[in-house]
């Protein structure tokens, strides 16, 4: 079990300059962009959910070890890599416009 980091506020940049591991991450900021700091390369051990707004990767590859649920946008030159080992994982929706590293 673990907790969920919910990003629902205005435009902003997450603080920190090293790789961080989170359990669940939810981005739900309908009109704003949340930007990762450069060289942060986060890992999401549970579910990465982007329901609204944009998560800008700032060139970082986001490692998702669980499911990825997207109705919002992930942008940038990094992308998302699904790295759950033998666990069953899904990316919803599956579409060519989602950058997958």
C-alpha atoms as a PDB file:
ATOM      1  CA  UNK A   1       0.000   0.000   0.000  1.00  0.00           C
ATOM      2  CA  UNK A   2       1.012   3.603  -0.354  1.00  0.00           C
ATOM      3  CA  UNK A   3      -0.258   7.104  -0.683  1.00  0.00           C
ATOM      4  CA  UNK A   4      -1.242   9.232  -3.666  1.00  0.00           C
ATOM      5  CA  UNK A   5       0.452  12.453  -4.754  1.00  0.00           C
ATOM      6  CA  UNK A   6      -2.363  14.595  -6.207  1.00  0.00           C
ATOM      7  CA  UNK A   7      -1.383  17.527  -8.410  1.00  0.00           C
ATOM      8  CA  UNK A   8      -4.473  19.690  -8.806  1.00  0.00           C
ATOM      9  CA  UNK A   9      -3.260  23.277  -8.526  1.00  0.00           C
ATOM     10  CA  UNK A  10      -2.156  25.903 -10.980  1.00  0.00           C
ATOM     11  CA  UNK A  11       0.803  25.971 -13.287  1.00  0.00           C
ATOM     12  CA  UNK A  12       3.921  24.925 -11.446  1.00  0.00           C
ATOM     13  CA  UNK A  13       7.095  22.930 -11.322  1.00  0.00           C
ATOM     14  CA  UNK A  14       7.643  20.050  -8.944  1.00  0.00           C
ATOM     15  CA  UNK A  15      10.647  20.684  -6.741  1.00  0.00           C
ATOM     16  CA  UNK A  16      13.668  18.422  -6.528  1.00  0.00           C
ATOM     17  CA  UNK A  17      16.521  17.547  -8.814  1.00  0.00           C
ATOM     18  CA  UNK A  18      16.972  13.831  -8.217  1.00  0.00           C
ATOM     19  CA  UNK A  19      14.936  10.781  -9.142  1.00  0.00           C
ATOM     20  CA  UNK A  20      11.968  10.243  -6.834  1.00  0.00           C
ATOM     21  CA  UNK A  21       9.732   7.213  -6.388  1.00  0.00           C
ATOM     22  CA  UNK A  22       6.023   7.761  -5.746  1.00  0.00           C
ATOM     23  CA  UNK A  23       3.336   5.169  -5.120  1.00  0.00           C
ATOM     24  CA  UNK A  24       0.376   6.707  -6.993  1.00  0.00           C
ATOM     25  CA  UNK A  25       0.428  10.007  -8.876  1.00  0.00           C
ATOM     26  CA  UNK A  26      -2.696  11.824 -10.053  1.00  0.00           C
ATOM     27  CA  UNK A  27      -2.601  14.930 -12.255  1.00  0.00           C
ATOM     28  CA  UNK A  28      -5.978  16.657 -12.384  1.00  0.00           C
ATOM     29  CA  UNK A  29      -5.507  20.314 -13.235  1.00  0.00           C
ATOM     30  CA  UNK A  30      -7.913  21.067 -16.058  1.00  0.00           C
ATOM     31  CA  UNK A  31      -6.355  24.271 -17.385  1.00  0.00           C
ATOM     32  CA  UNK A  32      -2.784  24.121 -16.120  1.00  0.00           C
ATOM     33  CA  UNK A  33       0.556  22.451 -16.805  1.00  0.00           C
ATOM     34  CA  UNK A  34       2.589  20.692 -14.124  1.00  0.00           C
ATOM     35  CA  UNK A  35       6.284  20.528 -15.129  1.00  0.00           C
ATOM     36  CA  UNK A  36       8.838  18.040 -13.829  1.00  0.00           C
ATOM     37  CA  UNK A  37      12.262  19.452 -12.924  1.00  0.00           C
ATOM     38  CA  UNK A  38      15.051  18.526 -15.324  1.00  0.00           C
ATOM     39  CA  UNK A  39      17.030  15.401 -14.414  1.00  0.00           C
ATOM     40  CA  UNK A  40      14.326  14.122 -12.055  1.00  0.00           C
ATOM     41  CA  UNK A  41      13.267  10.892 -13.888  1.00  0.00           C
ATOM     42  CA  UNK A  42      10.488   9.873 -11.472  1.00  0.00           C
ATOM     43  CA  UNK A  43       9.201   6.346 -10.899  1.00  0.00           C
ATOM     44  CA  UNK A  44       5.543   5.643 -10.157  1.00  0.00           C
ATOM     45  CA  UNK A  45       5.271   2.302  -8.366  1.00  0.00           C
ATOM     46  CA  UNK A  46       1.458   2.229  -8.406  1.00  0.00           C
ATOM     47  CA  UNK A  47      -0.869   3.979 -10.864  1.00  0.00           C
ATOM     48  CA  UNK A  48      -0.068   7.113 -12.872  1.00  0.00           C
ATOM     49  CA  UNK A  49      -3.324   8.931 -13.610  1.00  0.00           C
ATOM     50  CA  UNK A  50      -3.525  12.059 -15.755  1.00  0.00           C
ATOM     51  CA  UNK A  51      -7.209  12.999 -15.813  1.00  0.00           C
ATOM     52  CA  UNK A  52      -6.994  16.637 -16.865  1.00  0.00           C
ATOM     53  CA  UNK A  53      -4.418  19.231 -17.804  1.00  0.00           C
ATOM     54  CA  UNK A  54      -0.842  18.469 -18.811  1.00  0.00           C
ATOM     55  CA  UNK A  55       2.105  16.774 -17.159  1.00  0.00           C
ATOM     56  CA  UNK A  56       5.192  18.179 -18.932  1.00  0.00           C
ATOM     57  CA  UNK A  57       8.073  15.705 -18.594  1.00  0.00           C
ATOM     58  CA  UNK A  58      10.816  18.307 -19.308  1.00  0.00           C
ATOM     59  CA  UNK A  59      12.889  15.636 -21.070  1.00  0.00           C
ATOM     60  CA  UNK A  60      12.522  13.068 -18.256  1.00  0.00           C
ATOM     61  CA  UNK A  61      11.447   9.486 -18.801  1.00  0.00           C
ATOM     62  CA  UNK A  62       8.701   8.620 -16.314  1.00  0.00           C
ATOM     63  CA  UNK A  63       8.906   4.961 -15.284  1.00  0.00           C
ATOM     64  CA  UNK A  64       5.459   3.503 -14.601  1.00  0.00           C
ATOM     65  CA  UNK A  65       5.560   0.204 -12.743  1.00  0.00           C
ATOM     66  CA  UNK A  66       1.770  -0.026 -12.527  1.00  0.00           C
ATOM     67  CA  UNK A  67      -1.091   1.103 -14.732  1.00  0.00           C
ATOM     68  CA  UNK A  68      -1.246   4.378 -16.643  1.00  0.00           C
ATOM     69  CA  UNK A  69      -4.665   6.027 -17.053  1.00  0.00           C
ATOM     70  CA  UNK A  70      -4.739   9.057 -19.326  1.00  0.00           C
ATOM     71  CA  UNK A  71      -7.494  11.406 -20.369  1.00  0.00           C
ATOM     72  CA  UNK A  72      -5.217  14.429 -19.956  1.00  0.00           C
ATOM     73  CA  UNK A  73      -1.898  15.040 -21.704  1.00  0.00           C
ATOM     74  CA  UNK A  74       1.717  14.036 -21.139  1.00  0.00           C
ATOM     75  CA  UNK A  75       4.078  16.237 -23.137  1.00  0.00           C
ATOM     76  CA  UNK A  76       7.789  16.668 -23.738  1.00  0.00           C
ATOM     77  CA  UNK A  77      10.704  14.747 -25.190  1.00  0.00           C
ATOM     78  CA  UNK A  78      10.955  12.171 -22.387  1.00  0.00           C
ATOM     79  CA  UNK A  79       7.843  10.025 -22.268  1.00  0.00           C
ATOM     80  CA  UNK A  80       6.493   7.138 -20.223  1.00  0.00           C
ATOM     81  CA  UNK A  81       8.039   3.694 -20.030  1.00  0.00           C
ATOM     82  CA  UNK A  82       5.943   0.779 -18.788  1.00  0.00           C
ATOM     83  CA  UNK A  83       8.223  -1.236 -16.545  1.00  0.00           C
ATOM     84  CA  UNK A  84       6.118  -3.522 -14.415  1.00  0.00           C
ATOM     85  CA  UNK A  85       8.098  -6.718 -14.806  1.00  0.00           C
ATOM     86  CA  UNK A  86       5.781  -9.705 -14.893  1.00  0.00           C
ATOM     87  CA  UNK A  87       2.830  -7.746 -13.494  1.00  0.00           C
ATOM     88  CA  UNK A  88      -0.139  -7.096 -15.761  1.00  0.00           C
ATOM     89  CA  UNK A  89      -0.180  -3.441 -16.845  1.00  0.00           C
ATOM     90  CA  UNK A  90      -2.420  -1.328 -19.017  1.00  0.00           C
ATOM     91  CA  UNK A  91      -2.286   2.087 -20.604  1.00  0.00           C
ATOM     92  CA  UNK A  92      -5.679   3.673 -21.127  1.00  0.00           C
ATOM     93  CA  UNK A  93      -6.377   5.007 -23.666  1.00  0.00           C
ATOM     94  CA  UNK A  94      -3.979   3.409 -26.100  1.00  0.00           C
ATOM     95  CA  UNK A  95      -3.313   5.970 -28.807  1.00  0.00           C
ATOM     96  CA  UNK A  96      -0.444   7.027 -30.986  1.00  0.00           C
ATOM     97  CA  UNK A  97      -0.385  10.576 -29.609  1.00  0.00           C
ATOM     98  CA  UNK A  98       0.831   9.435 -26.186  1.00  0.00           C
ATOM     99  CA  UNK A  99       4.654   9.594 -26.155  1.00  0.00           C
ATOM    100  CA  UNK A 100       5.907   6.287 -24.801  1.00  0.00           C
ATOM    101  CA  UNK A 101       9.639   6.050 -24.165  1.00  0.00           C
END
